[in-house]
């Protein structure tokens, strides 16, 4: 069983996917974390993000693993490090490189083969797992997503500005939806889940109702 969950930044898809995976006892794969890990390494090594060849070469010498929701970059746990504002700003650039996406998609498909998987990202239902048993597109308004991201970062003691975060989310949406390769797009057969004014548990139960056949599709 493969379940694809797509949606824009800050819509809550990763949090929801993690909870669903635990409730269903499925493997959870956060594909966005894979791009974030490579972005983190590029930042650490001072790679020029305008130099596509440098980013592709970096991937060739990089090992990214996700084990029980822990993200490993070259054997090091970077689960927290990949969620910084600096990585937020650069990850869409990394994710837009065709050669990088091709390699990541191949890796993601291998992860989903012969096992029950819940995978979230930007192009899971359209590109990575087009034959997924269920496809969900989890979304929310830009303002709602900015509020959530602001709270997440301030809770971690980052000094951030709400208006700046809102602007960054809007910018990232444009980059993700307009990139030439595997843009953020709702699959034709995806079920839309709007998370505005809903708790995480309400969203989880809504998705579970579809999986269990209790909702009218």
C-alpha atoms as a PDB file:
ATOM      1  CA  UNK A   1       0.000   0.000   0.000  1.00  0.00           C
ATOM      2  CA  UNK A   2       1.409   3.383  -1.048  1.00  0.00           C
ATOM      3  CA  UNK A   3      -0.143   6.643   0.164  1.00  0.00           C
ATOM      4  CA  UNK A   4       0.974   9.920  -1.430  1.00  0.00           C
ATOM      5  CA  UNK A   5       0.592  13.229   0.383  1.00  0.00           C
ATOM      6  CA  UNK A   6       1.474  16.413  -1.491  1.00  0.00           C
ATOM      7  CA  UNK A   7       1.084  20.076  -0.725  1.00  0.00           C
ATOM      8  CA  UNK A   8       2.825  23.438  -0.271  1.00  0.00           C
ATOM      9  CA  UNK A   9       5.234  24.392   2.502  1.00  0.00           C
ATOM     10  CA  UNK A  10       3.685  24.718   5.940  1.00  0.00           C
ATOM     11  CA  UNK A  11       0.372  23.021   5.130  1.00  0.00           C
ATOM     12  CA  UNK A  12       1.001  20.383   7.807  1.00  0.00           C
ATOM     13  CA  UNK A  13       1.490  17.420   5.494  1.00  0.00           C
ATOM     14  CA  UNK A  14       4.649  16.115   7.188  1.00  0.00           C
ATOM     15  CA  UNK A  15       3.137  16.217  10.679  1.00  0.00           C
ATOM     16  CA  UNK A  16      -0.022  14.529   9.435  1.00  0.00           C
ATOM     17  CA  UNK A  17       1.923  11.915   7.466  1.00  0.00           C
ATOM     18  CA  UNK A  18       3.999  10.988  10.522  1.00  0.00           C
ATOM     19  CA  UNK A  19       0.917  10.458  12.676  1.00  0.00           C
ATOM     20  CA  UNK A  20      -0.830   8.465   9.952  1.00  0.00           C
ATOM     21  CA  UNK A  21       2.219   6.247   9.521  1.00  0.00           C
ATOM     22  CA  UNK A  22       2.223   5.432  13.232  1.00  0.00           C
ATOM     23  CA  UNK A  23      -1.516   4.748  13.334  1.00  0.00           C
ATOM     24  CA  UNK A  24      -1.329   2.475  10.272  1.00  0.00           C
ATOM     25  CA  UNK A  25       2.103   1.039  11.105  1.00  0.00           C
ATOM     26  CA  UNK A  26       3.464   2.141   7.713  1.00  0.00           C
ATOM     27  CA  UNK A  27       6.922   3.435   6.832  1.00  0.00           C
ATOM     28  CA  UNK A  28       7.035   7.240   6.628  1.00  0.00           C
ATOM     29  CA  UNK A  29       9.259   8.943   4.047  1.00  0.00           C
ATOM     30  CA  UNK A  30       9.624  12.730   4.073  1.00  0.00           C
ATOM     31  CA  UNK A  31      10.997  13.441   0.595  1.00  0.00           C
ATOM     32  CA  UNK A  32      11.359  17.139   1.359  1.00  0.00           C
ATOM     33  CA  UNK A  33      13.840  16.235   4.085  1.00  0.00           C
ATOM     34  CA  UNK A  34      16.042  14.607   1.453  1.00  0.00           C
ATOM     35  CA  UNK A  35      16.310  17.853  -0.521  1.00  0.00           C
ATOM     36  CA  UNK A  36      16.803  19.753   2.711  1.00  0.00           C
ATOM     37  CA  UNK A  37      19.691  17.487   3.687  1.00  0.00           C
ATOM     38  CA  UNK A  38      21.494  18.143   0.410  1.00  0.00           C
ATOM     39  CA  UNK A  39      20.772  21.869   0.765  1.00  0.00           C
ATOM     40  CA  UNK A  40      22.264  21.841   4.268  1.00  0.00           C
ATOM     41  CA  UNK A  41      25.429  20.210   2.991  1.00  0.00           C
ATOM     42  CA  UNK A  42      25.688  22.755   0.175  1.00  0.00           C
ATOM     43  CA  UNK A  43      25.405  25.591   2.711  1.00  0.00           C
ATOM     44  CA  UNK A  44      27.987  24.009   5.001  1.00  0.00           C
ATOM     45  CA  UNK A  45      30.446  23.560   2.142  1.00  0.00           C
ATOM     46  CA  UNK A  46      29.872  27.008   0.673  1.00  0.00           C
ATOM     47  CA  UNK A  47      28.563  25.723  -2.665  1.00  0.00           C
ATOM     48  CA  UNK A  48      27.321  28.379  -5.095  1.00  0.00           C
ATOM     49  CA  UNK A  49      23.575  27.762  -5.472  1.00  0.00           C
ATOM     50  CA  UNK A  50      23.680  29.425  -8.880  1.00  0.00           C
ATOM     51  CA  UNK A  51      26.096  26.733 -10.063  1.00  0.00           C
ATOM     52  CA  UNK A  52      23.955  23.731 -10.990  1.00  0.00           C
ATOM     53  CA  UNK A  53      26.957  21.535 -11.781  1.00  0.00           C
ATOM     54  CA  UNK A  54      28.344  22.066  -8.282  1.00  0.00           C
ATOM     55  CA  UNK A  55      25.062  21.000  -6.686  1.00  0.00           C
ATOM     56  CA  UNK A  56      24.857  17.885  -8.878  1.00  0.00           C
ATOM     57  CA  UNK A  57      28.487  16.978  -8.090  1.00  0.00           C
ATOM     58  CA  UNK A  58      27.748  17.380  -4.393  1.00  0.00           C
ATOM     59  CA  UNK A  59      24.899  14.851  -4.592  1.00  0.00           C
ATOM     60  CA  UNK A  60      27.238  12.314  -6.183  1.00  0.00           C
ATOM     61  CA  UNK A  61      29.348  12.281  -3.002  1.00  0.00           C
ATOM     62  CA  UNK A  62      26.440  12.482  -0.556  1.00  0.00           C
ATOM     63  CA  UNK A  63      24.614   9.727   1.327  1.00  0.00           C
ATOM     64  CA  UNK A  64      21.109  10.527   2.542  1.00  0.00           C
ATOM     65  CA  UNK A  65      19.100   8.072   4.648  1.00  0.00           C
ATOM     66  CA  UNK A  66      15.797   8.239   6.528  1.00  0.00           C
ATOM     67  CA  UNK A  67      15.561   5.682   9.311  1.00  0.00           C
ATOM     68  CA  UNK A  68      12.569   5.752  11.678  1.00  0.00           C
ATOM     69  CA  UNK A  69      11.933   9.432  10.851  1.00  0.00           C
ATOM     70  CA  UNK A  70      15.557  10.352  11.588  1.00  0.00           C
ATOM     71  CA  UNK A  71      17.394  12.035   8.696  1.00  0.00           C
ATOM     72  CA  UNK A  72      21.037  11.082   8.245  1.00  0.00           C
ATOM     73  CA  UNK A  73      23.432  13.066   6.080  1.00  0.00           C
ATOM     74  CA  UNK A  74      26.640  11.139   5.439  1.00  0.00           C
ATOM     75  CA  UNK A  75      25.945   9.151   8.597  1.00  0.00           C
ATOM     76  CA  UNK A  76      25.176  12.168  10.818  1.00  0.00           C
ATOM     77  CA  UNK A  77      21.758  12.907  12.335  1.00  0.00           C
ATOM     78  CA  UNK A  78      20.660  16.257  10.839  1.00  0.00           C
ATOM     79  CA  UNK A  79      16.925  16.002  11.584  1.00  0.00           C
ATOM     80  CA  UNK A  80      16.874  19.358  13.411  1.00  0.00           C
ATOM     81  CA  UNK A  81      19.530  21.137  11.356  1.00  0.00           C
ATOM     82  CA  UNK A  82      17.584  20.830   8.100  1.00  0.00           C
ATOM     83  CA  UNK A  83      14.676  22.869   9.544  1.00  0.00           C
ATOM     84  CA  UNK A  84      16.483  26.204   9.886  1.00  0.00           C
ATOM     85  CA  UNK A  85      15.385  29.432   8.104  1.00  0.00           C
ATOM     86  CA  UNK A  86      18.598  29.347   6.052  1.00  0.00           C
ATOM     87  CA  UNK A  87      17.708  25.943   4.621  1.00  0.00           C
ATOM     88  CA  UNK A  88      14.129  27.164   4.049  1.00  0.00           C
ATOM     89  CA  UNK A  89      15.461  29.922   1.803  1.00  0.00           C
ATOM     90  CA  UNK A  90      17.605  27.657  -0.390  1.00  0.00           C
ATOM     91  CA  UNK A  91      15.837  24.294  -0.608  1.00  0.00           C
ATOM     92  CA  UNK A  92      13.600  25.233  -3.563  1.00  0.00           C
ATOM     93  CA  UNK A  93      16.720  26.023  -5.611  1.00  0.00           C
ATOM     94  CA  UNK A  94      18.169  22.579  -4.916  1.00  0.00           C
ATOM     95  CA  UNK A  95      14.846  20.846  -5.582  1.00  0.00           C
ATOM     96  CA  UNK A  96      14.487  22.535  -8.973  1.00  0.00           C
ATOM     97  CA  UNK A  97      17.650  20.974 -10.459  1.00  0.00           C
ATOM     98  CA  UNK A  98      16.504  18.249 -12.942  1.00  0.00           C
ATOM     99  CA  UNK A  99      19.503  15.942 -12.361  1.00  0.00           C
ATOM    100  CA  UNK A 100      19.011  16.093  -8.597  1.00  0.00           C
ATOM    101  CA  UNK A 101      15.278  15.396  -8.856  1.00  0.00           C
ATOM    102  CA  UNK A 102      15.904  12.403 -11.126  1.00  0.00           C
ATOM    103  CA  UNK A 103      18.277  10.779  -8.633  1.00  0.00           C
ATOM    104  CA  UNK A 104      16.049  11.571  -5.658  1.00  0.00           C
ATOM    105  CA  UNK A 105      12.967  10.138  -7.380  1.00  0.00           C
ATOM    106  CA  UNK A 106      14.809   6.900  -8.156  1.00  0.00           C
ATOM    107  CA  UNK A 107      15.850   6.647  -4.506  1.00  0.00           C
ATOM    108  CA  UNK A 108      12.310   7.400  -3.286  1.00  0.00           C
ATOM    109  CA  UNK A 109      10.797   4.744  -5.539  1.00  0.00           C
ATOM    110  CA  UNK A 110      13.250   2.159  -4.236  1.00  0.00           C
ATOM    111  CA  UNK A 111      12.218   3.085  -0.690  1.00  0.00           C
ATOM    112  CA  UNK A 112       8.534   2.546  -1.537  1.00  0.00           C
ATOM    113  CA  UNK A 113       8.977  -0.772  -3.295  1.00  0.00           C
ATOM    114  CA  UNK A 114       7.576  -3.884  -1.602  1.00  0.00           C
ATOM    115  CA  UNK A 115       6.512  -2.120   1.594  1.00  0.00           C
ATOM    116  CA  UNK A 116       3.611  -0.080   2.997  1.00  0.00           C
ATOM    117  CA  UNK A 117       4.615   3.556   2.687  1.00  0.00           C
ATOM    118  CA  UNK A 118       3.261   7.026   3.396  1.00  0.00           C
ATOM    119  CA  UNK A 119       5.350   9.491   1.408  1.00  0.00           C
ATOM    120  CA  UNK A 120       4.973  13.248   1.403  1.00  0.00           C
ATOM    121  CA  UNK A 121       6.430  15.955  -0.784  1.00  0.00           C
ATOM    122  CA  UNK A 122       5.606  18.129  -3.787  1.00  0.00           C
ATOM    123  CA  UNK A 123       5.367  15.595  -6.634  1.00  0.00           C
ATOM    124  CA  UNK A 124       4.593  12.257  -5.011  1.00  0.00           C
ATOM    125  CA  UNK A 125       1.168  11.682  -6.561  1.00  0.00           C
ATOM    126  CA  UNK A 126       2.138  13.132  -9.937  1.00  0.00           C
ATOM    127  CA  UNK A 127       5.687  11.821 -10.468  1.00  0.00           C
ATOM    128  CA  UNK A 128       7.190   9.641  -7.730  1.00  0.00           C
ATOM    129  CA  UNK A 129       4.229   7.332  -7.036  1.00  0.00           C
ATOM    130  CA  UNK A 130       1.657   8.004  -9.783  1.00  0.00           C
ATOM    131  CA  UNK A 131       0.014   4.630  -9.066  1.00  0.00           C
ATOM    132  CA  UNK A 132      -0.329   5.214  -5.307  1.00  0.00           C
ATOM    133  CA  UNK A 133      -3.412   3.628  -3.750  1.00  0.00           C
ATOM    134  CA  UNK A 134      -4.421   6.965  -2.222  1.00  0.00           C
ATOM    135  CA  UNK A 135      -3.377  10.498  -3.111  1.00  0.00           C
ATOM    136  CA  UNK A 136      -4.037  13.514  -0.908  1.00  0.00           C
ATOM    137  CA  UNK A 137      -3.285  17.179  -1.538  1.00  0.00           C
ATOM    138  CA  UNK A 138      -2.961  18.910   1.828  1.00  0.00           C
ATOM    139  CA  UNK A 139      -3.173  22.682   1.664  1.00  0.00           C
ATOM    140  CA  UNK A 140      -3.923  25.895   3.607  1.00  0.00           C
ATOM    141  CA  UNK A 141      -3.846  29.632   2.982  1.00  0.00           C
ATOM    142  CA  UNK A 142      -0.475  31.409   2.849  1.00  0.00           C
ATOM    143  CA  UNK A 143      -1.389  33.344   6.001  1.00  0.00           C
ATOM    144  CA  UNK A 144      -2.256  30.193   7.931  1.00  0.00           C
ATOM    145  CA  UNK A 145       0.959  28.492   6.841  1.00  0.00           C
ATOM    146  CA  UNK A 146       3.026  31.539   7.784  1.00  0.00           C
ATOM    147  CA  UNK A 147       1.474  31.575  11.269  1.00  0.00           C
ATOM    148  CA  UNK A 148       2.370  27.929  11.781  1.00  0.00           C
ATOM    149  CA  UNK A 149       5.940  28.394  10.567  1.00  0.00           C
ATOM    150  CA  UNK A 150       6.340  31.509  12.737  1.00  0.00           C
ATOM    151  CA  UNK A 151       5.210  29.575  15.824  1.00  0.00           C
ATOM    152  CA  UNK A 152       7.428  26.605  14.966  1.00  0.00           C
ATOM    153  CA  UNK A 153      10.535  28.803  14.664  1.00  0.00           C
ATOM    154  CA  UNK A 154       9.832  31.016  17.700  1.00  0.00           C
ATOM    155  CA  UNK A 155       9.238  27.884  19.783  1.00  0.00           C
ATOM    156  CA  UNK A 156      12.790  26.891  18.794  1.00  0.00           C
ATOM    157  CA  UNK A 157      14.037  30.339  19.885  1.00  0.00           C
ATOM    158  CA  UNK A 158      14.728  31.693  16.396  1.00  0.00           C
ATOM    159  CA  UNK A 159      14.256  35.452  16.043  1.00  0.00           C
ATOM    160  CA  UNK A 160      11.954  35.738  13.035  1.00  0.00           C
ATOM    161  CA  UNK A 161       9.472  38.210  11.569  1.00  0.00           C
ATOM    162  CA  UNK A 162       5.976  37.058  10.554  1.00  0.00           C
ATOM    163  CA  UNK A 163       5.805  39.309   7.478  1.00  0.00           C
ATOM    164  CA  UNK A 164       9.192  38.012   6.318  1.00  0.00           C
ATOM    165  CA  UNK A 165       8.039  34.398   6.709  1.00  0.00           C
ATOM    166  CA  UNK A 166       4.829  35.160   4.808  1.00  0.00           C
ATOM    167  CA  UNK A 167       6.861  36.664   1.971  1.00  0.00           C
ATOM    168  CA  UNK A 168       9.222  33.650   1.928  1.00  0.00           C
ATOM    169  CA  UNK A 169       6.314  31.195   1.788  1.00  0.00           C
ATOM    170  CA  UNK A 170       4.773  33.101  -1.122  1.00  0.00           C
ATOM    171  CA  UNK A 171       8.145  33.128  -2.885  1.00  0.00           C
ATOM    172  CA  UNK A 172       8.648  29.409  -2.306  1.00  0.00           C
ATOM    173  CA  UNK A 173       5.151  28.608  -3.600  1.00  0.00           C
ATOM    174  CA  UNK A 174       5.983  30.385  -6.854  1.00  0.00           C
ATOM    175  CA  UNK A 175       9.319  28.584  -7.186  1.00  0.00           C
ATOM    176  CA  UNK A 176       7.740  25.194  -6.450  1.00  0.00           C
ATOM    177  CA  UNK A 177       4.749  25.600  -8.771  1.00  0.00           C
ATOM    178  CA  UNK A 178       6.583  27.177 -11.700  1.00  0.00           C
ATOM    179  CA  UNK A 179       9.730  25.039 -11.878  1.00  0.00           C
ATOM    180  CA  UNK A 180      10.101  23.147 -15.148  1.00  0.00           C
ATOM    181  CA  UNK A 181      10.715  19.708 -13.633  1.00  0.00           C
ATOM    182  CA  UNK A 182       8.115  18.062 -11.368  1.00  0.00           C
ATOM    183  CA  UNK A 183       6.368  21.248 -10.181  1.00  0.00           C
ATOM    184  CA  UNK A 184       4.130  21.311  -7.136  1.00  0.00           C
ATOM    185  CA  UNK A 185       0.815  20.204  -8.598  1.00  0.00           C
ATOM    186  CA  UNK A 186      -2.318  18.495  -7.412  1.00  0.00           C
ATOM    187  CA  UNK A 187      -2.739  15.083  -9.053  1.00  0.00           C
ATOM    188  CA  UNK A 188      -5.978  14.787 -11.026  1.00  0.00           C
ATOM    189  CA  UNK A 189      -7.173  11.971  -8.771  1.00  0.00           C
ATOM    190  CA  UNK A 190      -5.982  13.492  -5.483  1.00  0.00           C
ATOM    191  CA  UNK A 191      -8.348  14.251  -2.615  1.00  0.00           C
ATOM    192  CA  UNK A 192      -8.017  17.864  -1.435  1.00  0.00           C
ATOM    193  CA  UNK A 193      -7.607  18.316   2.316  1.00  0.00           C
ATOM    194  CA  UNK A 194      -7.843  21.965   3.422  1.00  0.00           C
ATOM    195  CA  UNK A 195      -6.297  22.336   6.873  1.00  0.00           C
ATOM    196  CA  UNK A 196      -7.405  25.925   7.600  1.00  0.00           C
ATOM    197  CA  UNK A 197      -8.865  26.173  11.119  1.00  0.00           C
ATOM    198  CA  UNK A 198      -8.455  22.434  11.704  1.00  0.00           C
ATOM    199  CA  UNK A 199      -6.415  20.661  14.353  1.00  0.00           C
ATOM    200  CA  UNK A 200      -3.847  18.078  13.313  1.00  0.00           C
ATOM    201  CA  UNK A 201      -6.028  15.313  14.748  1.00  0.00           C
ATOM    202  CA  UNK A 202      -9.039  16.507  12.740  1.00  0.00           C
ATOM    203  CA  UNK A 203      -6.978  16.369   9.541  1.00  0.00           C
ATOM    204  CA  UNK A 204      -5.641  12.917  10.415  1.00  0.00           C
ATOM    205  CA  UNK A 205      -9.150  11.592  11.055  1.00  0.00           C
ATOM    206  CA  UNK A 206     -10.395  13.125   7.797  1.00  0.00           C
ATOM    207  CA  UNK A 207      -7.696  11.328   5.800  1.00  0.00           C
ATOM    208  CA  UNK A 208      -8.227   8.084   7.707  1.00  0.00           C
ATOM    209  CA  UNK A 209     -11.938   8.229   6.863  1.00  0.00           C
ATOM    210  CA  UNK A 210     -11.057   8.107   3.156  1.00  0.00           C
ATOM    211  CA  UNK A 211      -8.523   5.318   3.599  1.00  0.00           C
ATOM    212  CA  UNK A 212     -11.042   3.268   5.574  1.00  0.00           C
ATOM    213  CA  UNK A 213     -13.777   3.997   3.052  1.00  0.00           C
ATOM    214  CA  UNK A 214     -15.976   5.969   5.415  1.00  0.00           C
ATOM    215  CA  UNK A 215     -15.993   9.187   3.377  1.00  0.00           C
ATOM    216  CA  UNK A 216     -17.704   9.713   0.031  1.00  0.00           C
ATOM    217  CA  UNK A 217     -15.025  10.165  -2.612  1.00  0.00           C
END
